[in-house]
Amino acid sequence: MPVARIDDKAPERCSWCGTDPLYVHYHDTVWGRPEYSGLALFEKLCLDGQQAGLSWITILRKQESYRAAYDDFNPEKIIQYGDAKMAELLANPGIVRNRLKVQSIIKNARGFLDLQAQGSGFSDFLWSFVENSPMQNTWRNFDEVPVTTPESEAMSRALKRAGFTFVGPTIVYAFMQATGMVNDHMVYCPQHKQCRLHAQ
C-alpha cells in the first residue's frame, strides 16, 4: 500500500510516489481517479493481485508487458488459455512468473464472465460496495489511513464467492484507493481536490 506522510513543510503531493517519473505520473493522473470501465477495473484488480508481496512500482513497470502477455486483459481470450499458454506465461520475464499468480488472472477472467452472465456488470458490481459514489477521506497523516475497511472486506468476500483469487481485503482496499472508489490522497495533496472534482 502506498505510504504518505506529512512533513513540517507540506509536500506538493503524497510522498509515497517519490520522484520516479513513472510513479509521479501514476500518482498525478491515475491513482484516486474514479474508474468506471469494467475492463479497466478488471485489469487493475488483476494487477493489484500480482503485487502481493511486492511493491506496486514493480508491477507498474511491468504493466505494458502484462497487457501484451494477457491479450490486453480480454477475459474472453484469457479463459481460452491452455497448457501451452501457461508455459509461455511462466517463461515470460516481463511478468511475475509465479504459477499461482499466473493462474489467478485466468480464474479472475472466468469470474468476470460469470458475473456478466448473471447480469452483473463488473463496474456496477464493484461500485455497489461504495453505494456508487466515491468515498471522500480527509487524511493529514498516513498513520490515519486504514489498510482494510468494512467495504473492502465485503467486496473481498463477494469476489471470492465469484471465483476470484488474490483478492484479500488489503489488496481490495488498495484497489479501491487506486480506482477512486475512495479518495485517500492526503488532504494537502493537490490531487485530493482533483479526485474530488472528478467524483462529482
N, C-alpha and C. Protein backbone atom coordinates (compact mmCIF):
# COMPACT_ATOMS: atom_id res chain seq x y z
N MET A 1 0.85 -1.19 0.00
CA MET A 1 0.00 0.00 0.00
C MET A 1 0.89 1.24 0.00
N PRO A 2 0.57 2.26 -0.83
CA PRO A 2 1.39 3.47 -0.86
C PRO A 2 1.52 4.12 0.50
N VAL A 3 2.65 4.73 0.74
CA VAL A 3 2.91 5.39 2.01
C VAL A 3 2.91 6.89 1.82
N ALA A 4 2.15 7.58 2.62
CA ALA A 4 2.12 9.04 2.56
C ALA A 4 2.33 9.57 3.96
N ARG A 5 2.93 10.75 4.06
CA ARG A 5 3.15 11.31 5.38
C ARG A 5 3.10 12.83 5.27
N ILE A 6 3.01 13.48 6.39
CA ILE A 6 3.00 14.94 6.40
C ILE A 6 4.31 15.42 7.02
N ASP A 7 4.96 16.35 6.36
CA ASP A 7 6.21 16.92 6.85
C ASP A 7 5.95 18.30 7.42
N ASP A 8 7.03 18.87 8.02
CA ASP A 8 6.89 20.24 8.53
C ASP A 8 6.49 21.18 7.40
N LYS A 9 7.12 20.98 6.24
CA LYS A 9 6.73 21.73 5.05
C LYS A 9 5.88 20.78 4.19
N ALA A 10 4.61 21.10 4.08
CA ALA A 10 3.70 20.20 3.37
C ALA A 10 4.19 19.96 1.94
N PRO A 11 4.35 18.71 1.54
CA PRO A 11 4.77 18.41 0.17
C PRO A 11 3.69 18.74 -0.83
N GLU A 12 4.07 18.84 -2.08
CA GLU A 12 3.10 19.18 -3.10
C GLU A 12 2.22 17.99 -3.46
N ARG A 13 2.68 16.80 -3.15
CA ARG A 13 1.87 15.62 -3.44
C ARG A 13 2.15 14.58 -2.36
N CYS A 14 1.35 13.53 -2.33
CA CYS A 14 1.59 12.42 -1.40
C CYS A 14 3.01 11.91 -1.63
N SER A 15 3.73 11.66 -0.55
CA SER A 15 5.15 11.33 -0.68
C SER A 15 5.42 9.91 -1.14
N TRP A 16 4.39 9.03 -1.18
CA TRP A 16 4.67 7.64 -1.50
C TRP A 16 5.20 7.43 -2.91
N CYS A 17 4.94 8.37 -3.81
CA CYS A 17 5.41 8.18 -5.19
C CYS A 17 6.84 8.65 -5.38
N GLY A 18 7.42 9.32 -4.39
CA GLY A 18 8.80 9.76 -4.51
C GLY A 18 9.02 10.66 -5.71
N THR A 19 10.14 10.44 -6.42
CA THR A 19 10.46 11.29 -7.58
C THR A 19 10.57 10.48 -8.87
N ASP A 20 10.33 9.17 -8.80
CA ASP A 20 10.35 8.35 -10.01
C ASP A 20 9.30 8.89 -10.99
N PRO A 21 9.70 9.28 -12.20
CA PRO A 21 8.74 9.90 -13.14
C PRO A 21 7.52 9.03 -13.43
N LEU A 22 7.70 7.73 -13.55
CA LEU A 22 6.58 6.84 -13.82
C LEU A 22 5.60 6.84 -12.65
N TYR A 23 6.16 6.78 -11.44
CA TYR A 23 5.33 6.75 -10.24
C TYR A 23 4.63 8.09 -10.02
N VAL A 24 5.34 9.18 -10.27
CA VAL A 24 4.74 10.51 -10.12
C VAL A 24 3.58 10.67 -11.10
N HIS A 25 3.80 10.24 -12.35
CA HIS A 25 2.74 10.34 -13.36
C HIS A 25 1.53 9.50 -12.94
N TYR A 26 1.78 8.31 -12.42
CA TYR A 26 0.69 7.45 -11.95
C TYR A 26 -0.07 8.13 -10.81
N HIS A 27 0.66 8.70 -9.87
CA HIS A 27 0.02 9.41 -8.76
C HIS A 27 -0.82 10.58 -9.25
N ASP A 28 -0.29 11.34 -10.19
CA ASP A 28 -0.94 12.58 -10.61
C ASP A 28 -2.09 12.37 -11.58
N THR A 29 -2.12 11.24 -12.29
CA THR A 29 -3.11 11.08 -13.36
C THR A 29 -4.00 9.85 -13.23
N VAL A 30 -3.62 8.91 -12.38
CA VAL A 30 -4.40 7.66 -12.30
C VAL A 30 -4.91 7.39 -10.89
N TRP A 31 -4.01 7.36 -9.91
CA TRP A 31 -4.37 6.91 -8.56
C TRP A 31 -5.42 7.83 -7.94
N GLY A 32 -6.55 7.25 -7.57
CA GLY A 32 -7.61 8.02 -6.95
C GLY A 32 -8.65 8.57 -7.90
N ARG A 33 -8.37 8.49 -9.22
CA ARG A 33 -9.37 8.96 -10.20
C ARG A 33 -10.45 7.90 -10.36
N PRO A 34 -11.71 8.26 -10.24
CA PRO A 34 -12.78 7.27 -10.39
C PRO A 34 -12.74 6.59 -11.75
N GLU A 35 -12.72 5.26 -11.74
CA GLU A 35 -12.69 4.46 -12.96
C GLU A 35 -13.99 3.65 -13.03
N TYR A 36 -14.67 3.74 -14.17
CA TYR A 36 -15.95 3.07 -14.30
C TYR A 36 -15.98 2.01 -15.40
N SER A 37 -14.91 1.89 -16.15
CA SER A 37 -14.85 0.87 -17.20
C SER A 37 -14.66 -0.50 -16.57
N GLY A 38 -15.56 -1.43 -16.88
CA GLY A 38 -15.45 -2.76 -16.32
C GLY A 38 -14.16 -3.46 -16.67
N LEU A 39 -13.72 -3.30 -17.91
CA LEU A 39 -12.48 -3.96 -18.34
C LEU A 39 -11.27 -3.32 -17.68
N ALA A 40 -11.28 -1.99 -17.53
CA ALA A 40 -10.16 -1.32 -16.86
C ALA A 40 -10.11 -1.73 -15.39
N LEU A 41 -11.25 -1.88 -14.77
CA LEU A 41 -11.30 -2.32 -13.38
C LEU A 41 -10.82 -3.77 -13.25
N PHE A 42 -11.17 -4.60 -14.22
CA PHE A 42 -10.70 -5.99 -14.21
C PHE A 42 -9.18 -6.03 -14.30
N GLU A 43 -8.61 -5.26 -15.21
CA GLU A 43 -7.16 -5.22 -15.35
C GLU A 43 -6.50 -4.76 -14.05
N LYS A 44 -7.02 -3.70 -13.46
CA LYS A 44 -6.40 -3.17 -12.25
C LYS A 44 -6.50 -4.15 -11.09
N LEU A 45 -7.64 -4.82 -10.96
CA LEU A 45 -7.79 -5.79 -9.88
C LEU A 45 -6.80 -6.94 -10.05
N CYS A 46 -6.63 -7.39 -11.29
CA CYS A 46 -5.67 -8.46 -11.55
C CYS A 46 -4.25 -8.01 -11.22
N LEU A 47 -3.90 -6.80 -11.63
CA LEU A 47 -2.55 -6.30 -11.37
C LEU A 47 -2.31 -6.09 -9.88
N ASP A 48 -3.32 -5.64 -9.16
CA ASP A 48 -3.15 -5.49 -7.72
C ASP A 48 -2.90 -6.84 -7.06
N GLY A 49 -3.53 -7.88 -7.58
CA GLY A 49 -3.26 -9.21 -7.07
C GLY A 49 -1.84 -9.66 -7.35
N GLN A 50 -1.29 -9.24 -8.50
CA GLN A 50 0.09 -9.58 -8.84
C GLN A 50 1.07 -8.90 -7.90
N GLN A 51 0.63 -7.80 -7.29
CA GLN A 51 1.51 -7.04 -6.40
C GLN A 51 1.77 -7.75 -5.08
N ALA A 52 0.92 -8.70 -4.70
CA ALA A 52 1.02 -9.33 -3.38
C ALA A 52 2.46 -9.73 -3.07
N GLY A 53 3.00 -9.18 -1.97
CA GLY A 53 4.37 -9.47 -1.57
C GLY A 53 5.42 -8.64 -2.27
N LEU A 54 4.99 -7.76 -3.16
CA LEU A 54 5.91 -6.92 -3.94
C LEU A 54 5.49 -5.46 -3.79
N SER A 55 6.29 -4.55 -4.34
CA SER A 55 5.92 -3.13 -4.34
C SER A 55 5.11 -2.84 -5.60
N TRP A 56 4.22 -1.85 -5.51
CA TRP A 56 3.39 -1.53 -6.67
C TRP A 56 4.24 -1.03 -7.84
N ILE A 57 5.31 -0.31 -7.58
CA ILE A 57 6.13 0.20 -8.69
C ILE A 57 6.69 -0.95 -9.52
N THR A 58 6.95 -2.10 -8.89
CA THR A 58 7.43 -3.27 -9.63
C THR A 58 6.40 -3.70 -10.67
N ILE A 59 5.14 -3.74 -10.28
CA ILE A 59 4.08 -4.14 -11.20
C ILE A 59 3.81 -3.03 -12.21
N LEU A 60 3.86 -1.79 -11.76
CA LEU A 60 3.61 -0.67 -12.68
C LEU A 60 4.61 -0.68 -13.82
N ARG A 61 5.86 -0.99 -13.52
CA ARG A 61 6.88 -1.06 -14.57
C ARG A 61 6.64 -2.21 -15.55
N LYS A 62 5.89 -3.20 -15.11
CA LYS A 62 5.61 -4.36 -15.96
C LYS A 62 4.23 -4.30 -16.61
N GLN A 63 3.51 -3.20 -16.41
CA GLN A 63 2.12 -3.15 -16.86
C GLN A 63 1.97 -3.40 -18.36
N GLU A 64 2.81 -2.79 -19.17
CA GLU A 64 2.70 -3.00 -20.61
C GLU A 64 3.04 -4.44 -20.98
N SER A 65 3.98 -5.04 -20.28
CA SER A 65 4.30 -6.44 -20.53
C SER A 65 3.12 -7.33 -20.17
N TYR A 66 2.43 -7.00 -19.10
CA TYR A 66 1.24 -7.76 -18.72
C TYR A 66 0.16 -7.63 -19.79
N ARG A 67 -0.03 -6.44 -20.30
CA ARG A 67 -1.06 -6.25 -21.32
C ARG A 67 -0.74 -7.07 -22.57
N ALA A 68 0.51 -7.09 -22.94
CA ALA A 68 0.91 -7.87 -24.11
C ALA A 68 0.76 -9.37 -23.83
N ALA A 69 1.13 -9.80 -22.63
CA ALA A 69 1.09 -11.22 -22.29
C ALA A 69 -0.34 -11.74 -22.15
N TYR A 70 -1.24 -10.90 -21.67
CA TYR A 70 -2.60 -11.33 -21.40
C TYR A 70 -3.63 -10.72 -22.35
N ASP A 71 -3.24 -10.53 -23.60
CA ASP A 71 -4.19 -10.08 -24.62
C ASP A 71 -5.00 -8.86 -24.18
N ASP A 72 -4.28 -7.86 -23.65
CA ASP A 72 -4.92 -6.62 -23.18
C ASP A 72 -6.03 -6.90 -22.16
N PHE A 73 -5.85 -7.95 -21.38
CA PHE A 73 -6.79 -8.32 -20.33
C PHE A 73 -8.21 -8.52 -20.87
N ASN A 74 -8.27 -9.20 -22.01
CA ASN A 74 -9.56 -9.56 -22.60
C ASN A 74 -10.02 -10.87 -21.96
N PRO A 75 -11.04 -10.85 -21.13
CA PRO A 75 -11.45 -12.07 -20.42
C PRO A 75 -11.82 -13.23 -21.34
N GLU A 76 -12.50 -12.91 -22.48
CA GLU A 76 -12.89 -13.97 -23.39
C GLU A 76 -11.68 -14.72 -23.94
N LYS A 77 -10.59 -14.01 -24.18
CA LYS A 77 -9.38 -14.66 -24.68
C LYS A 77 -8.64 -15.39 -23.56
N ILE A 78 -8.61 -14.78 -22.39
CA ILE A 78 -7.86 -15.35 -21.28
C ILE A 78 -8.40 -16.71 -20.86
N ILE A 79 -9.73 -16.88 -20.86
CA ILE A 79 -10.28 -18.16 -20.40
C ILE A 79 -9.98 -19.30 -21.38
N GLN A 80 -9.48 -18.96 -22.56
CA GLN A 80 -9.13 -20.00 -23.54
C GLN A 80 -7.70 -20.51 -23.35
N TYR A 81 -6.95 -19.92 -22.43
CA TYR A 81 -5.56 -20.31 -22.26
C TYR A 81 -5.46 -21.77 -21.82
N GLY A 82 -4.56 -22.49 -22.50
CA GLY A 82 -4.30 -23.89 -22.16
C GLY A 82 -2.90 -24.07 -21.62
N ASP A 83 -2.43 -25.31 -21.63
CA ASP A 83 -1.13 -25.62 -21.05
C ASP A 83 0.01 -24.91 -21.76
N ALA A 84 -0.08 -24.80 -23.09
CA ALA A 84 1.00 -24.15 -23.85
C ALA A 84 1.11 -22.68 -23.47
N LYS A 85 -0.03 -22.02 -23.33
CA LYS A 85 -0.02 -20.61 -22.95
C LYS A 85 0.48 -20.44 -21.52
N MET A 86 0.09 -21.36 -20.64
CA MET A 86 0.58 -21.30 -19.26
C MET A 86 2.11 -21.39 -19.24
N ALA A 87 2.65 -22.32 -20.03
CA ALA A 87 4.11 -22.48 -20.09
C ALA A 87 4.76 -21.21 -20.62
N GLU A 88 4.12 -20.60 -21.61
CA GLU A 88 4.64 -19.35 -22.19
C GLU A 88 4.67 -18.24 -21.15
N LEU A 89 3.58 -18.14 -20.38
CA LEU A 89 3.50 -17.10 -19.36
C LEU A 89 4.54 -17.31 -18.27
N LEU A 90 4.72 -18.55 -17.86
CA LEU A 90 5.67 -18.85 -16.80
C LEU A 90 7.12 -18.64 -17.23
N ALA A 91 7.34 -18.54 -18.53
CA ALA A 91 8.68 -18.29 -19.05
C ALA A 91 8.88 -16.83 -19.45
N ASN A 92 7.86 -16.01 -19.25
CA ASN A 92 7.89 -14.61 -19.69
C ASN A 92 8.56 -13.73 -18.63
N PRO A 93 9.74 -13.18 -18.91
CA PRO A 93 10.42 -12.35 -17.91
C PRO A 93 9.77 -10.99 -17.69
N GLY A 94 8.80 -10.65 -18.52
CA GLY A 94 8.14 -9.35 -18.40
C GLY A 94 7.05 -9.31 -17.36
N ILE A 95 6.69 -10.49 -16.80
CA ILE A 95 5.66 -10.55 -15.77
C ILE A 95 6.21 -11.29 -14.56
N VAL A 96 5.42 -11.33 -13.49
CA VAL A 96 5.83 -12.09 -12.30
C VAL A 96 5.56 -13.57 -12.59
N ARG A 97 6.61 -14.37 -12.60
CA ARG A 97 6.47 -15.78 -13.00
C ARG A 97 6.21 -16.67 -11.79
N ASN A 98 5.04 -16.46 -11.23
CA ASN A 98 4.58 -17.25 -10.09
C ASN A 98 3.33 -17.99 -10.56
N ARG A 99 3.35 -19.32 -10.47
CA ARG A 99 2.26 -20.11 -11.04
C ARG A 99 0.90 -19.71 -10.49
N LEU A 100 0.80 -19.51 -9.18
CA LEU A 100 -0.48 -19.15 -8.60
C LEU A 100 -0.97 -17.80 -9.10
N LYS A 101 -0.03 -16.87 -9.28
CA LYS A 101 -0.42 -15.55 -9.77
C LYS A 101 -0.81 -15.60 -11.24
N VAL A 102 -0.10 -16.41 -12.02
CA VAL A 102 -0.46 -16.57 -13.43
C VAL A 102 -1.86 -17.19 -13.52
N GLN A 103 -2.11 -18.22 -12.74
CA GLN A 103 -3.41 -18.88 -12.76
C GLN A 103 -4.52 -17.96 -12.25
N SER A 104 -4.18 -17.05 -11.35
CA SER A 104 -5.21 -16.19 -10.75
C SER A 104 -5.88 -15.31 -11.81
N ILE A 105 -5.12 -14.82 -12.76
CA ILE A 105 -5.71 -13.96 -13.79
C ILE A 105 -6.69 -14.76 -14.64
N ILE A 106 -6.37 -16.02 -14.90
CA ILE A 106 -7.28 -16.87 -15.66
C ILE A 106 -8.56 -17.13 -14.85
N LYS A 107 -8.40 -17.42 -13.57
CA LYS A 107 -9.57 -17.63 -12.70
C LYS A 107 -10.40 -16.35 -12.61
N ASN A 108 -9.73 -15.22 -12.52
CA ASN A 108 -10.45 -13.95 -12.42
C ASN A 108 -11.23 -13.65 -13.69
N ALA A 109 -10.67 -14.04 -14.84
CA ALA A 109 -11.38 -13.84 -16.11
C ALA A 109 -12.67 -14.66 -16.13
N ARG A 110 -12.60 -15.88 -15.59
CA ARG A 110 -13.81 -16.70 -15.51
C ARG A 110 -14.83 -16.06 -14.58
N GLY A 111 -14.35 -15.55 -13.45
CA GLY A 111 -15.25 -14.88 -12.52
C GLY A 111 -15.91 -13.66 -13.14
N PHE A 112 -15.13 -12.89 -13.88
CA PHE A 112 -15.65 -11.70 -14.58
C PHE A 112 -16.78 -12.10 -15.51
N LEU A 113 -16.55 -13.13 -16.33
CA LEU A 113 -17.55 -13.54 -17.31
C LEU A 113 -18.76 -14.20 -16.64
N ASP A 114 -18.54 -14.90 -15.54
CA ASP A 114 -19.66 -15.50 -14.82
C ASP A 114 -20.58 -14.42 -14.26
N LEU A 115 -19.98 -13.38 -13.70
CA LEU A 115 -20.79 -12.26 -13.18
C LEU A 115 -21.58 -11.61 -14.31
N GLN A 116 -20.90 -11.45 -15.43
CA GLN A 116 -21.55 -10.83 -16.59
C GLN A 116 -22.73 -11.69 -17.06
N ALA A 117 -22.53 -13.01 -17.07
CA ALA A 117 -23.59 -13.92 -17.49
C ALA A 117 -24.79 -13.88 -16.55
N GLN A 118 -24.51 -13.55 -15.29
CA GLN A 118 -25.59 -13.45 -14.30
C GLN A 118 -26.29 -12.10 -14.35
N GLY A 119 -25.84 -11.24 -15.26
CA GLY A 119 -26.46 -9.94 -15.41
C GLY A 119 -25.82 -8.85 -14.57
N SER A 120 -24.65 -9.14 -13.97
CA SER A 120 -23.96 -8.15 -13.15
C SER A 120 -22.80 -7.55 -13.94
N GLY A 121 -22.94 -6.32 -14.39
CA GLY A 121 -21.81 -5.64 -15.00
C GLY A 121 -20.73 -5.49 -13.95
N PHE A 122 -19.48 -5.71 -14.32
CA PHE A 122 -18.40 -5.72 -13.34
C PHE A 122 -18.27 -4.37 -12.64
N SER A 123 -18.40 -3.30 -13.39
CA SER A 123 -18.29 -1.97 -12.78
C SER A 123 -19.42 -1.74 -11.78
N ASP A 124 -20.65 -2.05 -12.17
CA ASP A 124 -21.78 -1.85 -11.26
C ASP A 124 -21.62 -2.72 -10.02
N PHE A 125 -21.16 -3.94 -10.21
CA PHE A 125 -20.95 -4.87 -9.10
C PHE A 125 -19.97 -4.28 -8.09
N LEU A 126 -18.83 -3.77 -8.56
CA LEU A 126 -17.82 -3.24 -7.65
C LEU A 126 -18.24 -1.93 -7.01
N TRP A 127 -18.79 -1.03 -7.80
CA TRP A 127 -19.15 0.28 -7.27
C TRP A 127 -20.32 0.21 -6.28
N SER A 128 -21.07 -0.88 -6.31
CA SER A 128 -22.18 -1.01 -5.36
C SER A 128 -21.69 -1.05 -3.92
N PHE A 129 -20.43 -1.43 -3.71
CA PHE A 129 -19.91 -1.54 -2.34
C PHE A 129 -19.63 -0.17 -1.72
N VAL A 130 -19.62 0.88 -2.53
CA VAL A 130 -19.49 2.24 -2.00
C VAL A 130 -20.73 3.05 -2.39
N GLU A 131 -21.83 2.33 -2.62
CA GLU A 131 -23.11 2.96 -2.98
C GLU A 131 -22.97 3.86 -4.19
N ASN A 132 -22.11 3.43 -5.12
CA ASN A 132 -21.94 4.09 -6.43
C ASN A 132 -21.42 5.52 -6.33
N SER A 133 -20.79 5.85 -5.22
CA SER A 133 -20.26 7.21 -5.05
C SER A 133 -18.92 7.14 -4.33
N PRO A 134 -17.87 7.79 -4.89
CA PRO A 134 -16.55 7.75 -4.25
C PRO A 134 -16.58 8.26 -2.82
N MET A 135 -15.94 7.54 -1.93
CA MET A 135 -15.84 7.96 -0.54
C MET A 135 -14.72 8.99 -0.42
N GLN A 136 -15.00 10.11 0.23
CA GLN A 136 -14.03 11.19 0.34
C GLN A 136 -13.44 11.25 1.75
N ASN A 137 -12.17 10.90 1.86
CA ASN A 137 -11.49 10.99 3.15
C ASN A 137 -10.66 12.26 3.24
N THR A 138 -10.28 12.62 4.44
CA THR A 138 -9.52 13.87 4.64
C THR A 138 -8.33 13.60 5.56
N TRP A 139 -7.52 12.63 5.16
CA TRP A 139 -6.35 12.28 5.97
C TRP A 139 -5.28 13.35 5.88
N ARG A 140 -4.62 13.59 7.01
CA ARG A 140 -3.48 14.51 7.03
C ARG A 140 -2.18 13.78 7.36
N ASN A 141 -2.29 12.52 7.71
CA ASN A 141 -1.12 11.73 8.08
C ASN A 141 -1.37 10.29 7.66
N PHE A 142 -0.36 9.66 7.10
CA PHE A 142 -0.54 8.29 6.63
C PHE A 142 -0.98 7.35 7.74
N ASP A 143 -0.59 7.63 8.97
CA ASP A 143 -0.96 6.75 10.09
C ASP A 143 -2.47 6.65 10.26
N GLU A 144 -3.19 7.61 9.72
CA GLU A 144 -4.65 7.59 9.83
C GLU A 144 -5.30 6.64 8.83
N VAL A 145 -4.60 6.31 7.76
CA VAL A 145 -5.19 5.55 6.65
C VAL A 145 -5.29 4.07 7.01
N PRO A 146 -6.48 3.50 6.90
CA PRO A 146 -6.63 2.08 7.21
C PRO A 146 -6.06 1.20 6.09
N VAL A 147 -5.82 -0.05 6.41
CA VAL A 147 -5.38 -0.99 5.36
C VAL A 147 -6.55 -1.83 4.87
N THR A 148 -7.60 -1.90 5.66
CA THR A 148 -8.85 -2.51 5.22
C THR A 148 -9.99 -1.69 5.80
N THR A 149 -11.16 -1.86 5.22
CA THR A 149 -12.37 -1.20 5.70
C THR A 149 -13.52 -2.21 5.60
N PRO A 150 -14.64 -1.94 6.23
CA PRO A 150 -15.79 -2.84 6.07
C PRO A 150 -16.16 -3.02 4.59
N GLU A 151 -16.00 -1.94 3.80
CA GLU A 151 -16.34 -2.04 2.38
C GLU A 151 -15.39 -2.96 1.64
N SER A 152 -14.08 -2.85 1.94
CA SER A 152 -13.13 -3.73 1.25
C SER A 152 -13.29 -5.17 1.69
N GLU A 153 -13.66 -5.38 2.94
CA GLU A 153 -13.88 -6.74 3.43
C GLU A 153 -15.10 -7.35 2.75
N ALA A 154 -16.16 -6.55 2.59
CA ALA A 154 -17.36 -7.05 1.93
C ALA A 154 -17.09 -7.34 0.45
N MET A 155 -16.35 -6.45 -0.21
CA MET A 155 -16.02 -6.67 -1.62
C MET A 155 -15.14 -7.90 -1.77
N SER A 156 -14.19 -8.07 -0.89
CA SER A 156 -13.31 -9.23 -0.94
C SER A 156 -14.10 -10.52 -0.84
N ARG A 157 -15.02 -10.58 0.11
CA ARG A 157 -15.84 -11.79 0.28
C ARG A 157 -16.66 -12.08 -0.97
N ALA A 158 -17.24 -11.04 -1.55
CA ALA A 158 -18.08 -11.22 -2.74
C ALA A 158 -17.25 -11.67 -3.94
N LEU A 159 -16.06 -11.11 -4.09
CA LEU A 159 -15.19 -11.50 -5.20
C LEU A 159 -14.75 -12.96 -5.04
N LYS A 160 -14.42 -13.36 -3.84
CA LYS A 160 -14.02 -14.75 -3.61
C LYS A 160 -15.18 -15.70 -3.93
N ARG A 161 -16.38 -15.32 -3.53
CA ARG A 161 -17.55 -16.15 -3.85
C ARG A 161 -17.74 -16.27 -5.36
N ALA A 162 -17.35 -15.22 -6.08
CA ALA A 162 -17.50 -15.21 -7.54
C ALA A 162 -16.36 -15.95 -8.24
N GLY A 163 -15.38 -16.46 -7.48
CA GLY A 163 -14.31 -17.24 -8.07
C GLY A 163 -13.00 -16.52 -8.25
N PHE A 164 -12.90 -15.29 -7.78
CA PHE A 164 -11.66 -14.52 -7.91
C PHE A 164 -10.65 -14.95 -6.85
N THR A 165 -9.36 -14.81 -7.18
CA THR A 165 -8.30 -15.10 -6.22
C THR A 165 -7.35 -13.91 -6.13
N PHE A 166 -6.52 -13.92 -5.09
CA PHE A 166 -5.65 -12.78 -4.78
C PHE A 166 -6.48 -11.51 -4.61
N VAL A 167 -7.57 -11.64 -3.88
CA VAL A 167 -8.47 -10.51 -3.64
C VAL A 167 -8.80 -10.42 -2.15
N GLY A 168 -7.77 -10.53 -1.30
CA GLY A 168 -7.98 -10.33 0.12
C GLY A 168 -8.36 -8.89 0.40
N PRO A 169 -8.88 -8.58 1.58
CA PRO A 169 -9.37 -7.23 1.87
C PRO A 169 -8.31 -6.14 1.79
N THR A 170 -7.04 -6.47 2.07
CA THR A 170 -5.98 -5.44 1.95
C THR A 170 -5.71 -5.13 0.48
N ILE A 171 -5.61 -6.16 -0.35
CA ILE A 171 -5.43 -5.95 -1.79
C ILE A 171 -6.61 -5.19 -2.35
N VAL A 172 -7.80 -5.56 -1.92
CA VAL A 172 -9.01 -4.91 -2.43
C VAL A 172 -9.05 -3.44 -2.00
N TYR A 173 -8.61 -3.13 -0.78
CA TYR A 173 -8.63 -1.72 -0.38
C TYR A 173 -7.64 -0.91 -1.21
N ALA A 174 -6.47 -1.47 -1.49
CA ALA A 174 -5.51 -0.78 -2.36
C ALA A 174 -6.13 -0.55 -3.74
N PHE A 175 -6.87 -1.53 -4.22
CA PHE A 175 -7.57 -1.41 -5.50
C PHE A 175 -8.61 -0.29 -5.44
N MET A 176 -9.36 -0.23 -4.35
CA MET A 176 -10.38 0.81 -4.20
C MET A 176 -9.75 2.20 -4.16
N GLN A 177 -8.60 2.31 -3.51
CA GLN A 177 -7.89 3.60 -3.48
C GLN A 177 -7.47 3.99 -4.89
N ALA A 178 -6.89 3.05 -5.61
CA ALA A 178 -6.32 3.35 -6.93
C ALA A 178 -7.39 3.71 -7.94
N THR A 179 -8.57 3.08 -7.82
CA THR A 179 -9.61 3.30 -8.82
C THR A 179 -10.63 4.35 -8.40
N GLY A 180 -10.32 5.08 -7.35
CA GLY A 180 -11.14 6.23 -6.98
C GLY A 180 -12.43 5.89 -6.27
N MET A 181 -12.60 4.64 -5.85
CA MET A 181 -13.78 4.33 -5.04
C MET A 181 -13.67 4.99 -3.67
N VAL A 182 -12.42 5.28 -3.31
CA VAL A 182 -12.15 6.04 -2.09
C VAL A 182 -11.02 7.02 -2.40
N ASN A 183 -11.15 8.23 -1.95
CA ASN A 183 -10.13 9.26 -2.19
C ASN A 183 -9.22 9.31 -0.97
N ASP A 184 -8.06 8.67 -1.09
CA ASP A 184 -7.11 8.63 0.02
C ASP A 184 -5.85 9.46 -0.24
N HIS A 185 -5.92 10.38 -1.18
CA HIS A 185 -4.83 11.36 -1.26
C HIS A 185 -4.82 12.15 0.04
N MET A 186 -3.64 12.49 0.50
CA MET A 186 -3.57 13.36 1.67
C MET A 186 -4.30 14.66 1.36
N VAL A 187 -4.91 15.24 2.36
CA VAL A 187 -5.74 16.42 2.12
C VAL A 187 -4.92 17.59 1.60
N TYR A 188 -3.60 17.62 1.89
CA TYR A 188 -2.76 18.71 1.41
C TYR A 188 -2.28 18.48 -0.02
N CYS A 189 -2.49 17.29 -0.56
CA CYS A 189 -2.05 16.98 -1.91
C CYS A 189 -3.00 17.59 -2.93
N PRO A 190 -2.51 18.29 -3.95
CA PRO A 190 -3.40 18.88 -4.95
C PRO A 190 -4.32 17.85 -5.61
N GLN A 191 -3.88 16.61 -5.68
CA GLN A 191 -4.71 15.60 -6.33
C GLN A 191 -5.93 15.20 -5.49
N HIS A 192 -5.90 15.54 -4.22
CA HIS A 192 -7.09 15.28 -3.39
C HIS A 192 -8.28 16.06 -3.94
N LYS A 193 -8.06 17.32 -4.21
CA LYS A 193 -9.13 18.17 -4.76
C LYS A 193 -9.51 17.70 -6.16
N GLN A 194 -8.51 17.36 -6.98
CA GLN A 194 -8.79 16.94 -8.35
C GLN A 194 -9.64 15.67 -8.36
N CYS A 195 -9.31 14.71 -7.50
CA CYS A 195 -10.09 13.48 -7.46
C CYS A 195 -11.50 13.74 -6.95
N ARG A 196 -11.63 14.66 -6.01
CA ARG A 196 -12.96 15.02 -5.50
C ARG A 196 -13.79 15.64 -6.63
N LEU A 197 -13.16 16.48 -7.46
CA LEU A 197 -13.87 17.10 -8.57
C LEU A 197 -14.27 16.07 -9.62
N HIS A 198 -13.39 15.09 -9.87
CA HIS A 198 -13.70 14.02 -10.83
C HIS A 198 -14.86 13.18 -10.35
N ALA A 199 -15.07 13.14 -9.05
CA ALA A 199 -16.13 12.31 -8.49
C ALA A 199 -17.50 12.97 -8.57
N GLN A 200 -17.53 14.24 -8.89
CA GLN A 200 -18.80 14.96 -8.91
C GLN A 200 -19.49 14.87 -10.27
